[in-house]
């Protein structure tokens, strides 16, 4: 049995679903960030799988590197926001984040 494109897409769909479930249901800011990372990793798997199985001039690995760099930058900004939230409220519960607007 060889690994086909369907196998990669199935793993990617599972990762994406778990990440989306995590983003929608969790209230902890760090857990939500972990869900976003799962979603971005699912996109990376798709890019690399399509680059391997479809003959195109575009390299999926190049796109995956761009996604990883963008995710690292977004994670740095998001962690700075979480640290600011914790510094002001002594909690990282996202339900309390609306009090920063006052």
Protein backbone atom coordinates (compact mmCIF):
# COMPACT_ATOMS: atom_id res chain seq x y z
CA UNK A 1 0.00 0.00 0.00
CA UNK A 2 1.40 3.35 -0.99
CA UNK A 3 0.57 6.72 0.48
CA UNK A 4 -1.58 8.74 -1.92
CA UNK A 5 -2.79 12.31 -2.06
CA UNK A 6 -6.01 11.25 -0.34
CA UNK A 7 -4.08 10.16 2.74
CA UNK A 8 -2.39 13.54 3.03
CA UNK A 9 -5.66 15.40 2.52
CA UNK A 10 -7.38 13.27 5.15
CA UNK A 11 -4.69 14.03 7.74
CA UNK A 12 -4.87 17.70 6.79
CA UNK A 13 -8.67 17.76 7.14
CA UNK A 14 -8.43 16.15 10.58
CA UNK A 15 -5.82 18.68 11.72
CA UNK A 16 -7.87 21.56 10.35
CA UNK A 17 -11.02 20.30 12.07
CA UNK A 18 -9.25 19.90 15.40
CA UNK A 19 -7.74 23.38 15.10
CA UNK A 20 -11.07 24.94 14.21
CA UNK A 21 -12.78 23.15 17.09
CA UNK A 22 -10.07 24.42 19.43
CA UNK A 23 -10.41 28.02 18.22
CA UNK A 24 -14.20 28.00 18.49
CA UNK A 25 -14.62 26.27 21.85
CA UNK A 26 -11.72 27.37 24.03
CA UNK A 27 -11.59 30.53 26.14
CA UNK A 28 -7.91 30.40 27.04
CA UNK A 29 -5.86 32.64 24.74
CA UNK A 30 -2.89 30.28 24.57
CA UNK A 31 -5.13 27.35 23.63
CA UNK A 32 -6.73 29.42 20.87
CA UNK A 33 -3.25 30.22 19.51
CA UNK A 34 -2.45 26.50 19.49
CA UNK A 35 -5.61 25.92 17.45
CA UNK A 36 -4.53 28.55 14.92
CA UNK A 37 -1.17 26.79 14.62
CA UNK A 38 -2.95 23.50 13.89
CA UNK A 39 -4.92 25.19 11.11
CA UNK A 40 -1.75 26.63 9.58
CA UNK A 41 -0.02 23.24 9.77
CA UNK A 42 -2.97 21.69 7.93
CA UNK A 43 -2.47 24.25 5.16
CA UNK A 44 1.24 23.39 5.06
CA UNK A 45 0.46 19.70 4.61
CA UNK A 46 -1.83 20.58 1.70
CA UNK A 47 0.81 22.75 0.02
CA UNK A 48 3.48 20.08 0.25
CA UNK A 49 1.17 17.23 -0.78
CA UNK A 50 -0.05 19.06 -3.87
CA UNK A 51 3.53 19.99 -4.77
CA UNK A 52 4.47 16.31 -4.61
CA UNK A 53 1.51 14.80 -6.47
CA UNK A 54 0.63 17.51 -9.02
CA UNK A 55 3.11 18.59 -11.68
CA UNK A 56 3.27 22.36 -11.44
CA UNK A 57 5.98 24.97 -11.67
CA UNK A 58 5.19 26.13 -8.14
CA UNK A 59 6.87 24.46 -5.21
CA UNK A 60 4.65 23.67 -2.25
CA UNK A 61 7.67 23.71 0.02
CA UNK A 62 8.25 27.40 -0.77
CA UNK A 63 4.65 28.20 0.15
CA UNK A 64 4.99 26.15 3.33
CA UNK A 65 8.08 28.14 4.36
CA UNK A 66 6.18 31.40 3.82
CA UNK A 67 3.30 30.09 5.94
CA UNK A 68 5.71 29.05 8.70
CA UNK A 69 7.40 32.47 8.70
CA UNK A 70 4.05 34.26 8.75
CA UNK A 71 2.81 32.00 11.55
CA UNK A 72 5.92 32.72 13.60
CA UNK A 73 5.41 36.46 13.20
CA UNK A 74 1.71 36.17 14.05
CA UNK A 75 2.52 34.04 17.09
CA UNK A 76 4.99 36.66 18.33
CA UNK A 77 2.40 39.41 18.04
CA UNK A 78 -0.33 37.25 19.59
CA UNK A 79 1.89 36.28 22.52
CA UNK A 80 2.68 39.96 23.10
CA UNK A 81 -1.07 40.63 23.25
CA UNK A 82 -1.58 37.72 25.65
CA UNK A 83 1.23 38.98 27.89
CA UNK A 84 -0.33 42.45 27.89
CA UNK A 85 -3.71 40.91 28.76
CA UNK A 86 -2.18 38.96 31.62
CA UNK A 87 -0.25 41.99 32.89
CA UNK A 88 -3.41 44.08 33.10
CA UNK A 89 -5.96 41.47 34.26
CA UNK A 90 -3.86 38.69 35.83
CA UNK A 91 -5.82 36.27 33.66
CA UNK A 92 -5.68 35.01 30.08
CA UNK A 93 -9.40 34.28 29.88
CA UNK A 94 -10.71 35.74 26.62
CA UNK A 95 -14.11 36.55 28.17
CA UNK A 96 -12.39 39.19 30.31
CA UNK A 97 -10.59 40.76 27.35
CA UNK A 98 -13.51 43.09 26.58
CA UNK A 99 -12.72 45.00 29.78
CA UNK A 100 -9.59 46.39 28.10
CA UNK A 101 -11.79 48.60 25.90
CA UNK A 102 -13.05 50.64 28.86
